[in-house]
Amino acid sequence: MPESPSLEARGDEPNPVFAWPVRVYYEDSDAQGLVYFANYFKFMERARTEWLRALGVEQDVLLYEKRRFFVVADTQADFLAPARFNDELLVTAGLTGLARASFVIEQKIFRGNLDGELLCRGTTRAAYLDADTLRPTRLPDTLFKDYQ
């Protein structure tokens, strides 16, 4: 597999970038052996979850002990080149915007490693909600301390 998951600064990025390896399985591809478009969003979701975990956020603990959770408020992607069955991919996640109760993550999917072909890039805006009221609530000051 490609590089192991990490949260580190890169020379060309202003904030730490998290990278998560993904292999394309048969179930991810269509009849032509290309990754079905919706699966890129699944790959990005996995990387976002692991990115939050690397920041110290366990989402089940957050929900059941603090009564808070994240929801995707908006997402978009540009599909630049196809991934294929059995490809090794590297999916990145990094903070690009921060508001009172939401944040924006930029994500990229590369073939092989961070220097490989860029296949997909996108952004996701996630909101932080109170589980009991389902209303937006202020993000904890400590959540993105590595980005300030």
C-alpha atoms as a PDB file:
ATOM      1  CA  MET A   1       0.000   0.000   0.000  1.00  0.00           C
ATOM      2  CA  PRO A   2       1.042   3.642  -0.321  1.00  0.00           C
ATOM      3  CA  GLU A   3       2.395   5.738   2.492  1.00  0.00           C
ATOM      4  CA  SER A   4       0.940   5.085   5.939  1.00  0.00           C
ATOM      5  CA  PRO A   5      -1.628   7.483   7.374  1.00  0.00           C
ATOM      6  CA  SER A   6      -0.109  10.625   8.796  1.00  0.00           C
ATOM      7  CA  LEU A   7      -0.822  14.192   9.776  1.00  0.00           C
ATOM      8  CA  GLU A   8       2.132  16.305   8.766  1.00  0.00           C
ATOM      9  CA  ALA A   9       3.098  19.619   7.252  1.00  0.00           C
ATOM     10  CA  ARG A  10       4.201  19.641   3.622  1.00  0.00           C
ATOM     11  CA  GLY A  11       6.312  22.363   2.099  1.00  0.00           C
ATOM     12  CA  ASP A  12       3.651  23.367  -0.446  1.00  0.00           C
ATOM     13  CA  GLU A  13       0.728  23.317   2.010  1.00  0.00           C
ATOM     14  CA  PRO A  14       0.056  26.015   4.662  1.00  0.00           C
ATOM     15  CA  ASN A  15      -1.523  23.532   7.122  1.00  0.00           C
ATOM     16  CA  PRO A  16      -0.862  19.925   8.088  1.00  0.00           C
ATOM     17  CA  VAL A  17      -2.130  17.420   5.515  1.00  0.00           C
ATOM     18  CA  PHE A  18      -3.503  14.038   6.491  1.00  0.00           C
ATOM     19  CA  ALA A  19      -3.057  11.157   4.051  1.00  0.00           C
ATOM     20  CA  TRP A  20      -4.968   7.853   4.132  1.00  0.00           C
ATOM     21  CA  PRO A  21      -4.235   4.878   1.840  1.00  0.00           C
ATOM     22  CA  VAL A  22      -7.086   3.171  -0.028  1.00  0.00           C
ATOM     23  CA  ARG A  23      -7.026   0.260  -2.442  1.00  0.00           C
ATOM     24  CA  VAL A  24      -9.672   0.059  -5.149  1.00  0.00           C
ATOM     25  CA  TYR A  25     -11.583  -3.197  -4.807  1.00  0.00           C
ATOM     26  CA  TYR A  26     -13.701  -4.899  -7.450  1.00  0.00           C
ATOM     27  CA  GLU A  27     -16.856  -3.700  -5.677  1.00  0.00           C
ATOM     28  CA  ASP A  28     -15.699  -0.073  -6.153  1.00  0.00           C
ATOM     29  CA  SER A  29     -15.585  -0.347  -9.930  1.00  0.00           C
ATOM     30  CA  ASP A  30     -18.138  -0.394 -12.723  1.00  0.00           C
ATOM     31  CA  ALA A  31     -18.394  -2.720 -15.724  1.00  0.00           C
ATOM     32  CA  GLN A  32     -15.449  -0.959 -17.377  1.00  0.00           C
ATOM     33  CA  GLY A  33     -13.214  -1.518 -14.330  1.00  0.00           C
ATOM     34  CA  LEU A  34     -13.261   2.198 -13.440  1.00  0.00           C
ATOM     35  CA  VAL A  35     -14.167   3.543 -10.007  1.00  0.00           C
ATOM     36  CA  TYR A  36     -17.842   4.472  -9.908  1.00  0.00           C
ATOM     37  CA  PHE A  37     -18.138   8.212  -9.170  1.00  0.00           C
ATOM     38  CA  ALA A  38     -20.010   7.849  -5.855  1.00  0.00           C
ATOM     39  CA  ASN A  39     -17.183   5.747  -4.443  1.00  0.00           C
ATOM     40  CA  TYR A  40     -14.781   8.703  -4.555  1.00  0.00           C
ATOM     41  CA  PHE A  41     -17.053  10.291  -1.935  1.00  0.00           C
ATOM     42  CA  LYS A  42     -16.798   7.106   0.155  1.00  0.00           C
ATOM     43  CA  PHE A  43     -13.004   7.206  -0.064  1.00  0.00           C
ATOM     44  CA  MET A  44     -13.044  10.855   1.031  1.00  0.00           C
ATOM     45  CA  GLU A  45     -15.422  10.058   3.903  1.00  0.00           C
ATOM     46  CA  ARG A  46     -13.062   7.367   5.188  1.00  0.00           C
ATOM     47  CA  ALA A  47     -10.128   9.775   5.042  1.00  0.00           C
ATOM     48  CA  ARG A  48     -12.135  12.492   6.858  1.00  0.00           C
ATOM     49  CA  THR A  49     -13.051  10.023   9.597  1.00  0.00           C
ATOM     50  CA  GLU A  50      -9.427   8.959  10.029  1.00  0.00           C
ATOM     51  CA  TRP A  51      -8.291  12.601   9.882  1.00  0.00           C
ATOM     52  CA  LEU A  52     -10.652  13.441  12.755  1.00  0.00           C
ATOM     53  CA  ARG A  53      -9.359  10.392  14.630  1.00  0.00           C
ATOM     54  CA  ALA A  54      -5.774  11.655  14.129  1.00  0.00           C
ATOM     55  CA  LEU A  55      -6.933  14.959  15.651  1.00  0.00           C
ATOM     56  CA  GLY A  56      -8.167  13.048  18.715  1.00  0.00           C
ATOM     57  CA  VAL A  57     -11.865  12.926  17.803  1.00  0.00           C
ATOM     58  CA  GLU A  58     -13.610   9.579  18.216  1.00  0.00           C
ATOM     59  CA  GLN A  59     -17.008  10.244  16.708  1.00  0.00           C
ATOM     60  CA  ASP A  60     -18.859   7.583  18.705  1.00  0.00           C
ATOM     61  CA  VAL A  61     -17.487   9.021  21.959  1.00  0.00           C
ATOM     62  CA  LEU A  62     -18.359  12.518  20.775  1.00  0.00           C
ATOM     63  CA  LEU A  63     -21.940  11.460  20.130  1.00  0.00           C
ATOM     64  CA  TYR A  64     -22.621   9.354  23.210  1.00  0.00           C
ATOM     65  CA  GLU A  65     -20.615  11.242  25.829  1.00  0.00           C
ATOM     66  CA  LYS A  66     -20.749  14.848  24.617  1.00  0.00           C
ATOM     67  CA  ARG A  67     -24.003  14.643  22.599  1.00  0.00           C
ATOM     68  CA  ARG A  68     -22.400  16.256  19.534  1.00  0.00           C
ATOM     69  CA  PHE A  69     -21.840  15.088  15.961  1.00  0.00           C
ATOM     70  CA  PHE A  70     -20.816  16.245  12.488  1.00  0.00           C
ATOM     71  CA  VAL A  71     -23.000  16.346   9.384  1.00  0.00           C
ATOM     72  CA  VAL A  72     -22.009  17.061   5.813  1.00  0.00           C
ATOM     73  CA  ALA A  73     -23.643  20.355   4.855  1.00  0.00           C
ATOM     74  CA  ASP A  74     -22.138  20.630   1.387  1.00  0.00           C
ATOM     75  CA  THR A  75     -19.739  18.661  -0.787  1.00  0.00           C
ATOM     76  CA  GLN A  76     -18.381  18.870  -4.306  1.00  0.00           C
ATOM     77  CA  ALA A  77     -15.759  17.095  -6.366  1.00  0.00           C
ATOM     78  CA  ASP A  78     -13.883  17.508  -9.625  1.00  0.00           C
ATOM     79  CA  PHE A  79     -13.145  14.175 -11.289  1.00  0.00           C
ATOM     80  CA  LEU A  80      -9.901  14.624 -13.224  1.00  0.00           C
ATOM     81  CA  ALA A  81      -8.847  11.093 -14.184  1.00  0.00           C
ATOM     82  CA  PRO A  82     -10.269   7.639 -13.447  1.00  0.00           C
ATOM     83  CA  ALA A  83      -9.025   5.264 -10.797  1.00  0.00           C
ATOM     84  CA  ARG A  84      -9.139   1.604 -11.750  1.00  0.00           C
ATOM     85  CA  PHE A  85      -9.687  -1.735 -10.085  1.00  0.00           C
ATOM     86  CA  ASN A  86      -6.709  -2.650  -7.853  1.00  0.00           C
ATOM     87  CA  ASP A  87      -5.158   0.848  -7.885  1.00  0.00           C
ATOM     88  CA  GLU A  88      -3.489   2.021  -4.711  1.00  0.00           C
ATOM     89  CA  LEU A  89      -4.728   5.503  -3.857  1.00  0.00           C
ATOM     90  CA  LEU A  90      -3.808   8.105  -1.300  1.00  0.00           C
ATOM     91  CA  VAL A  91      -6.625  10.331  -0.041  1.00  0.00           C
ATOM     92  CA  THR A  92      -5.787  13.581   1.745  1.00  0.00           C
ATOM     93  CA  ALA A  93      -7.778  15.763   4.099  1.00  0.00           C
ATOM     94  CA  GLY A  94      -6.918  19.191   5.410  1.00  0.00           C
ATOM     95  CA  LEU A  95      -8.699  22.139   6.965  1.00  0.00           C
ATOM     96  CA  THR A  96      -9.189  25.122   4.651  1.00  0.00           C
ATOM     97  CA  GLY A  97     -11.957  27.053   6.387  1.00  0.00           C
ATOM     98  CA  LEU A  98     -13.250  27.470   9.905  1.00  0.00           C
ATOM     99  CA  ALA A  99     -16.417  29.152  11.157  1.00  0.00           C
ATOM    100  CA  ARG A 100     -18.219  29.168  14.502  1.00  0.00           C
ATOM    101  CA  ALA A 101     -20.119  25.893  13.958  1.00  0.00           C
ATOM    102  CA  SER A 102     -18.707  24.507  10.717  1.00  0.00           C
ATOM    103  CA  PHE A 103     -15.477  23.840   8.875  1.00  0.00           C
ATOM    104  CA  VAL A 104     -14.318  23.169   5.331  1.00  0.00           C
ATOM    105  CA  ILE A 105     -12.035  20.281   4.404  1.00  0.00           C
ATOM    106  CA  GLU A 106     -10.147  20.117   1.132  1.00  0.00           C
ATOM    107  CA  GLN A 107      -9.500  16.613  -0.132  1.00  0.00           C
ATOM    108  CA  LYS A 108      -7.456  15.143  -2.951  1.00  0.00           C
ATOM    109  CA  ILE A 109      -7.140  11.609  -4.264  1.00  0.00           C
ATOM    110  CA  PHE A 110      -3.827  10.605  -5.821  1.00  0.00           C
ATOM    111  CA  ARG A 111      -2.785   7.434  -7.574  1.00  0.00           C
ATOM    112  CA  GLY A 112      -0.004   5.784  -5.541  1.00  0.00           C
ATOM    113  CA  ASN A 113       1.361   8.632  -3.427  1.00  0.00           C
ATOM    114  CA  LEU A 114       1.291  12.401  -2.931  1.00  0.00           C
ATOM    115  CA  ASP A 115       3.493  12.848  -5.986  1.00  0.00           C
ATOM    116  CA  GLY A 116       1.280  10.588  -8.096  1.00  0.00           C
ATOM    117  CA  GLU A 117      -1.407  11.535 -10.580  1.00  0.00           C
ATOM    118  CA  LEU A 118      -4.171  13.701  -9.095  1.00  0.00           C
ATOM    119  CA  LEU A 119      -7.431  11.867  -9.831  1.00  0.00           C
ATOM    120  CA  CYS A 120     -10.007  13.831  -7.868  1.00  0.00           C
ATOM    121  CA  ARG A 121     -10.189  16.945  -5.719  1.00  0.00           C
ATOM    122  CA  GLY A 122     -13.051  18.253  -3.680  1.00  0.00           C
ATOM    123  CA  THR A 123     -14.265  20.102  -0.646  1.00  0.00           C
ATOM    124  CA  THR A 124     -16.697  19.272   2.103  1.00  0.00           C
ATOM    125  CA  ARG A 125     -18.299  21.649   4.578  1.00  0.00           C
ATOM    126  CA  ALA A 126     -19.243  19.912   7.817  1.00  0.00           C
ATOM    127  CA  ALA A 127     -21.456  21.357  10.521  1.00  0.00           C
ATOM    128  CA  TYR A 128     -21.170  20.573  14.234  1.00  0.00           C
ATOM    129  CA  LEU A 129     -24.560  19.787  15.782  1.00  0.00           C
ATOM    130  CA  ASP A 130     -26.062  19.247  19.190  1.00  0.00           C
ATOM    131  CA  ALA A 131     -27.468  15.698  19.105  1.00  0.00           C
ATOM    132  CA  ASP A 132     -30.491  16.569  21.232  1.00  0.00           C
ATOM    133  CA  THR A 133     -31.643  19.735  19.458  1.00  0.00           C
ATOM    134  CA  LEU A 134     -30.131  19.032  16.010  1.00  0.00           C
ATOM    135  CA  ARG A 135     -29.036  22.681  15.989  1.00  0.00           C
ATOM    136  CA  PRO A 136     -25.569  23.960  15.086  1.00  0.00           C
ATOM    137  CA  THR A 137     -23.318  24.510  18.078  1.00  0.00           C
ATOM    138  CA  ARG A 138     -19.928  26.129  18.575  1.00  0.00           C
ATOM    139  CA  LEU A 139     -16.916  24.000  17.673  1.00  0.00           C
ATOM    140  CA  PRO A 140     -14.560  23.308  20.583  1.00  0.00           C
ATOM    141  CA  ASP A 141     -11.554  25.680  20.565  1.00  0.00           C
ATOM    142  CA  THR A 142      -9.202  22.711  20.899  1.00  0.00           C
ATOM    143  CA  LEU A 143     -10.477  20.759  17.882  1.00  0.00           C
ATOM    144  CA  PHE A 144      -8.259  22.377  15.261  1.00  0.00           C
ATOM    145  CA  LYS A 145      -5.400  23.562  17.467  1.00  0.00           C
ATOM    146  CA  ASP A 146      -2.830  22.170  14.970  1.00  0.00           C
ATOM    147  CA  TYR A 147      -4.212  24.578  12.347  1.00  0.00           C
ATOM    148  CA  GLN A 148      -4.001  27.832  14.278  1.00  0.00           C
END
